[in-house]
Amino acid sequence: MKKLTIKLYPNVPFVTDHDFYTNSFHYFVERKPTPFEKLDFEAPFQKLSNGGFISYVELPCMKDNLDALEAIWDYSYKAGIGYLKSTPQLTTVWNATSMANTQPMK
């Protein structure tokens, strides 16, 4: 299938220049969009999806910048995103001991 695709569409950036297919409306991760670019791109597709939808944005640790995190959530709501997940980029390696010693936020 991949050979046929390349034969029909040889030079389509972000479509035929990698070794996998996608069946989603998500912004291509290799482009490294800002959260706002990603949400703007994906919002119109959520209205068309009858099989469920989720958008996510990868963010650094936002615990010291909650205003920025809230701005992204507010923006997603105004853009028409029905479900948003913010995924932190993990820079800390967690193990069972450190997870057991963490306390939930109150």
N, C-alpha and C. Protein backbone atom coordinates (compact mmCIF):
# COMPACT_ATOMS: atom_id res chain seq x y z
N MET A 1 0.82 -1.19 0.00
CA MET A 1 0.00 0.00 0.00
C MET A 1 0.86 1.25 0.00
N LYS A 2 1.90 1.27 0.80
CA LYS A 2 2.78 2.43 0.87
C LYS A 2 3.42 2.72 -0.48
N LYS A 3 3.86 1.68 -1.19
CA LYS A 3 4.48 1.87 -2.51
C LYS A 3 3.50 2.49 -3.49
N LEU A 4 2.25 2.06 -3.44
CA LEU A 4 1.22 2.61 -4.32
C LEU A 4 0.97 4.08 -4.00
N THR A 5 0.90 4.41 -2.73
CA THR A 5 0.69 5.79 -2.32
C THR A 5 1.83 6.68 -2.81
N ILE A 6 3.05 6.23 -2.64
CA ILE A 6 4.20 7.02 -3.08
C ILE A 6 4.20 7.17 -4.59
N LYS A 7 3.76 6.14 -5.29
CA LYS A 7 3.70 6.22 -6.76
C LYS A 7 2.65 7.24 -7.20
N LEU A 8 1.50 7.24 -6.55
CA LEU A 8 0.43 8.17 -6.91
C LEU A 8 0.69 9.59 -6.42
N TYR A 9 1.27 9.70 -5.24
CA TYR A 9 1.49 11.00 -4.60
C TYR A 9 2.92 11.04 -4.06
N PRO A 10 3.90 11.25 -4.93
CA PRO A 10 5.28 11.07 -4.54
C PRO A 10 5.83 12.09 -3.54
N ASN A 11 5.42 13.31 -3.61
CA ASN A 11 6.06 14.35 -2.79
C ASN A 11 5.04 15.20 -2.06
N VAL A 12 4.36 14.60 -1.11
CA VAL A 12 3.39 15.34 -0.32
C VAL A 12 3.93 15.44 1.10
N PRO A 13 4.43 16.63 1.47
CA PRO A 13 4.99 16.77 2.81
C PRO A 13 3.96 16.43 3.90
N PHE A 14 4.44 15.73 4.91
CA PHE A 14 3.64 15.31 6.07
C PHE A 14 2.57 14.27 5.71
N VAL A 15 2.59 13.76 4.50
CA VAL A 15 1.66 12.70 4.11
C VAL A 15 2.44 11.48 3.64
N THR A 16 3.27 11.64 2.61
CA THR A 16 4.01 10.49 2.06
C THR A 16 5.47 10.46 2.49
N ASP A 17 5.88 11.37 3.33
CA ASP A 17 7.30 11.40 3.72
C ASP A 17 7.58 10.68 5.04
N HIS A 18 6.68 9.81 5.47
CA HIS A 18 6.93 8.98 6.66
C HIS A 18 6.31 7.60 6.43
N ASP A 19 6.60 6.68 7.32
CA ASP A 19 6.25 5.28 7.10
C ASP A 19 4.96 4.83 7.78
N PHE A 20 4.03 5.72 7.99
CA PHE A 20 2.78 5.31 8.61
C PHE A 20 1.63 6.14 8.06
N TYR A 21 0.42 5.62 8.24
CA TYR A 21 -0.79 6.32 7.88
C TYR A 21 -1.50 6.74 9.15
N THR A 22 -2.33 7.72 9.04
CA THR A 22 -3.12 8.13 10.19
C THR A 22 -4.58 8.24 9.75
N ASN A 23 -5.46 7.96 10.68
CA ASN A 23 -6.89 8.08 10.39
C ASN A 23 -7.53 9.14 11.27
N SER A 24 -6.72 10.07 11.74
CA SER A 24 -7.26 11.07 12.65
C SER A 24 -7.15 12.47 12.06
N PHE A 25 -7.76 13.41 12.76
CA PHE A 25 -7.72 14.80 12.33
C PHE A 25 -6.67 15.59 13.09
N HIS A 26 -5.82 14.91 13.83
CA HIS A 26 -4.84 15.62 14.65
C HIS A 26 -3.76 16.28 13.79
N TYR A 27 -3.35 17.44 14.25
CA TYR A 27 -2.25 18.17 13.62
C TYR A 27 -1.01 17.30 13.69
N PHE A 28 -0.28 17.21 12.62
CA PHE A 28 0.87 16.30 12.53
C PHE A 28 1.94 16.70 13.54
N VAL A 29 2.31 15.80 14.42
CA VAL A 29 3.18 16.13 15.55
C VAL A 29 4.57 16.60 15.13
N GLU A 30 5.05 16.16 14.00
CA GLU A 30 6.39 16.56 13.56
C GLU A 30 6.47 18.05 13.26
N ARG A 31 5.35 18.70 13.07
CA ARG A 31 5.36 20.14 12.77
C ARG A 31 5.54 21.00 14.02
N LYS A 32 5.39 20.40 15.19
CA LYS A 32 5.57 21.07 16.48
C LYS A 32 4.78 22.39 16.56
N PRO A 33 3.46 22.29 16.46
CA PRO A 33 2.64 23.50 16.51
C PRO A 33 2.55 24.08 17.92
N THR A 34 2.19 25.34 18.01
CA THR A 34 1.85 25.90 19.32
C THR A 34 0.50 25.30 19.72
N PRO A 35 0.15 25.36 20.99
CA PRO A 35 -1.17 24.86 21.38
C PRO A 35 -2.30 25.54 20.61
N PHE A 36 -2.16 26.84 20.34
CA PHE A 36 -3.21 27.58 19.66
C PHE A 36 -3.32 27.18 18.19
N GLU A 37 -2.19 26.94 17.52
CA GLU A 37 -2.22 26.46 16.13
C GLU A 37 -2.88 25.09 16.06
N LYS A 38 -2.54 24.23 16.98
CA LYS A 38 -3.11 22.87 17.00
C LYS A 38 -4.62 22.91 17.23
N LEU A 39 -5.05 23.73 18.18
CA LEU A 39 -6.48 23.82 18.47
C LEU A 39 -7.25 24.44 17.31
N ASP A 40 -6.70 25.47 16.68
CA ASP A 40 -7.35 26.08 15.52
C ASP A 40 -7.51 25.08 14.39
N PHE A 41 -6.49 24.26 14.17
CA PHE A 41 -6.54 23.27 13.09
C PHE A 41 -7.56 22.18 13.38
N GLU A 42 -7.61 21.69 14.61
CA GLU A 42 -8.44 20.53 14.94
C GLU A 42 -9.90 20.85 15.23
N ALA A 43 -10.19 22.07 15.66
CA ALA A 43 -11.56 22.40 16.09
C ALA A 43 -12.64 22.10 15.05
N PRO A 44 -12.48 22.48 13.78
CA PRO A 44 -13.56 22.22 12.83
C PRO A 44 -13.87 20.73 12.63
N PHE A 45 -12.88 19.88 12.83
CA PHE A 45 -13.08 18.45 12.61
C PHE A 45 -13.89 17.79 13.73
N GLN A 46 -13.84 18.37 14.93
CA GLN A 46 -14.59 17.75 16.03
C GLN A 46 -16.08 17.75 15.76
N LYS A 47 -16.58 18.77 15.10
CA LYS A 47 -18.00 18.82 14.77
C LYS A 47 -18.40 17.74 13.77
N LEU A 48 -17.44 17.27 12.98
CA LEU A 48 -17.71 16.28 11.94
C LEU A 48 -17.52 14.84 12.42
N SER A 49 -16.91 14.67 13.57
CA SER A 49 -16.57 13.34 14.04
C SER A 49 -17.74 12.73 14.79
N ASN A 50 -18.23 11.61 14.28
CA ASN A 50 -19.32 10.94 14.97
C ASN A 50 -18.82 9.72 15.75
N GLY A 51 -17.53 9.51 15.75
CA GLY A 51 -16.97 8.36 16.46
C GLY A 51 -16.20 8.76 17.70
N GLY A 52 -16.45 9.95 18.17
CA GLY A 52 -15.72 10.44 19.34
C GLY A 52 -14.55 11.29 18.92
N PHE A 53 -14.10 12.12 19.82
CA PHE A 53 -12.99 13.00 19.50
C PHE A 53 -12.30 13.43 20.78
N ILE A 54 -11.05 13.73 20.63
CA ILE A 54 -10.26 14.30 21.71
C ILE A 54 -9.14 15.10 21.08
N SER A 55 -8.87 16.24 21.63
CA SER A 55 -7.70 17.01 21.24
C SER A 55 -6.79 17.07 22.45
N TYR A 56 -5.52 17.12 22.20
CA TYR A 56 -4.57 17.23 23.29
C TYR A 56 -3.47 18.20 22.89
N VAL A 57 -2.86 18.80 23.87
CA VAL A 57 -1.71 19.65 23.64
C VAL A 57 -0.61 19.20 24.60
N GLU A 58 0.61 19.17 24.11
CA GLU A 58 1.75 18.83 24.95
C GLU A 58 2.33 20.12 25.50
N LEU A 59 2.48 20.15 26.81
CA LEU A 59 2.94 21.36 27.49
C LEU A 59 4.08 21.03 28.43
N PRO A 60 4.92 22.01 28.70
CA PRO A 60 5.89 21.81 29.77
C PRO A 60 5.16 21.84 31.11
N CYS A 61 5.86 21.67 32.18
CA CYS A 61 5.24 21.75 33.50
C CYS A 61 4.63 23.14 33.67
N MET A 62 3.35 23.20 33.94
CA MET A 62 2.64 24.48 34.02
C MET A 62 2.27 24.86 35.46
N LYS A 63 2.80 24.16 36.43
CA LYS A 63 2.39 24.42 37.82
C LYS A 63 2.72 25.83 38.28
N ASP A 64 3.71 26.44 37.67
CA ASP A 64 4.06 27.81 38.03
C ASP A 64 3.50 28.85 37.06
N ASN A 65 2.69 28.39 36.14
CA ASN A 65 2.11 29.31 35.15
C ASN A 65 0.67 28.91 34.87
N LEU A 66 -0.13 28.88 35.90
CA LEU A 66 -1.52 28.44 35.78
C LEU A 66 -2.36 29.40 34.93
N ASP A 67 -1.99 30.68 34.88
CA ASP A 67 -2.71 31.62 34.02
C ASP A 67 -2.57 31.23 32.55
N ALA A 68 -1.38 30.80 32.16
CA ALA A 68 -1.17 30.36 30.77
C ALA A 68 -1.96 29.09 30.48
N LEU A 69 -1.97 28.17 31.43
CA LEU A 69 -2.74 26.94 31.25
C LEU A 69 -4.22 27.25 31.11
N GLU A 70 -4.73 28.14 31.94
CA GLU A 70 -6.13 28.53 31.85
C GLU A 70 -6.41 29.23 30.52
N ALA A 71 -5.47 30.01 30.02
CA ALA A 71 -5.66 30.69 28.73
C ALA A 71 -5.80 29.67 27.60
N ILE A 72 -5.04 28.58 27.66
CA ILE A 72 -5.15 27.53 26.64
C ILE A 72 -6.50 26.83 26.75
N TRP A 73 -6.93 26.51 27.96
CA TRP A 73 -8.24 25.87 28.14
C TRP A 73 -9.37 26.79 27.65
N ASP A 74 -9.30 28.07 28.02
CA ASP A 74 -10.32 29.02 27.58
C ASP A 74 -10.34 29.13 26.06
N TYR A 75 -9.16 29.18 25.46
CA TYR A 75 -9.05 29.28 24.00
C TYR A 75 -9.68 28.05 23.33
N SER A 76 -9.42 26.88 23.89
CA SER A 76 -9.98 25.65 23.30
C SER A 76 -11.50 25.67 23.36
N TYR A 77 -12.05 26.15 24.46
CA TYR A 77 -13.51 26.22 24.59
C TYR A 77 -14.09 27.16 23.54
N LYS A 78 -13.49 28.33 23.39
CA LYS A 78 -13.97 29.30 22.41
C LYS A 78 -13.80 28.81 20.98
N ALA A 79 -12.80 27.96 20.74
CA ALA A 79 -12.56 27.42 19.40
C ALA A 79 -13.53 26.30 19.06
N GLY A 80 -14.25 25.77 20.06
CA GLY A 80 -15.20 24.70 19.81
C GLY A 80 -14.66 23.31 20.10
N ILE A 81 -13.57 23.24 20.84
CA ILE A 81 -13.02 21.94 21.21
C ILE A 81 -13.92 21.34 22.30
N GLY A 82 -14.43 20.15 22.05
CA GLY A 82 -15.34 19.53 23.00
C GLY A 82 -14.64 18.81 24.13
N TYR A 83 -13.43 18.32 23.88
CA TYR A 83 -12.69 17.59 24.91
C TYR A 83 -11.22 17.89 24.71
N LEU A 84 -10.57 18.41 25.73
CA LEU A 84 -9.15 18.77 25.64
C LEU A 84 -8.38 18.09 26.75
N LYS A 85 -7.27 17.52 26.40
CA LYS A 85 -6.34 16.92 27.37
C LYS A 85 -5.03 17.66 27.23
N SER A 86 -4.50 18.12 28.33
CA SER A 86 -3.17 18.71 28.32
C SER A 86 -2.19 17.67 28.84
N THR A 87 -1.22 17.34 28.03
CA THR A 87 -0.26 16.30 28.34
C THR A 87 1.06 16.93 28.70
N PRO A 88 1.50 16.78 29.95
CA PRO A 88 2.80 17.37 30.30
C PRO A 88 3.94 16.60 29.66
N GLN A 89 4.95 17.32 29.25
CA GLN A 89 6.16 16.67 28.76
C GLN A 89 6.94 16.25 30.00
N LEU A 90 7.09 14.97 30.19
CA LEU A 90 7.70 14.47 31.41
C LEU A 90 9.21 14.64 31.37
N THR A 91 9.73 15.32 32.35
CA THR A 91 11.17 15.48 32.46
C THR A 91 11.69 14.78 33.71
N THR A 92 10.81 14.25 34.52
CA THR A 92 11.19 13.54 35.73
C THR A 92 10.87 12.06 35.55
N VAL A 93 11.79 11.23 35.91
CA VAL A 93 11.55 9.79 35.85
C VAL A 93 10.92 9.39 37.17
N TRP A 94 9.71 8.82 37.09
CA TRP A 94 9.00 8.40 38.29
C TRP A 94 9.21 6.91 38.50
N ASN A 95 9.38 6.55 39.74
CA ASN A 95 9.43 5.13 40.07
C ASN A 95 8.38 4.84 41.13
N ALA A 96 8.22 3.61 41.50
CA ALA A 96 7.16 3.22 42.43
C ALA A 96 7.32 3.92 43.78
N THR A 97 8.54 4.09 44.26
CA THR A 97 8.75 4.73 45.55
C THR A 97 8.35 6.20 45.52
N SER A 98 8.79 6.92 44.48
CA SER A 98 8.45 8.35 44.42
C SER A 98 6.96 8.54 44.21
N MET A 99 6.31 7.66 43.47
CA MET A 99 4.86 7.78 43.27
C MET A 99 4.13 7.52 44.58
N ALA A 100 4.59 6.58 45.38
CA ALA A 100 3.93 6.25 46.65
C ALA A 100 4.04 7.40 47.65
N ASN A 101 5.09 8.21 47.51
CA ASN A 101 5.32 9.29 48.47
C ASN A 101 4.67 10.60 48.04
N THR A 102 4.03 10.65 46.90
CA THR A 102 3.40 11.90 46.49
C THR A 102 2.04 12.04 47.16
N GLN A 103 1.69 13.25 47.44
CA GLN A 103 0.42 13.55 48.08
C GLN A 103 -0.50 14.22 47.07
N PRO A 104 -1.77 13.87 47.08
CA PRO A 104 -2.70 14.55 46.17
C PRO A 104 -2.83 16.02 46.51
N MET A 105 -3.09 16.83 45.51
CA MET A 105 -3.31 18.25 45.76
C MET A 105 -4.64 18.44 46.46
N LYS A 106 -4.72 19.40 47.37
CA LYS A 106 -5.96 19.66 48.10
C LYS A 106 -6.65 20.87 47.54
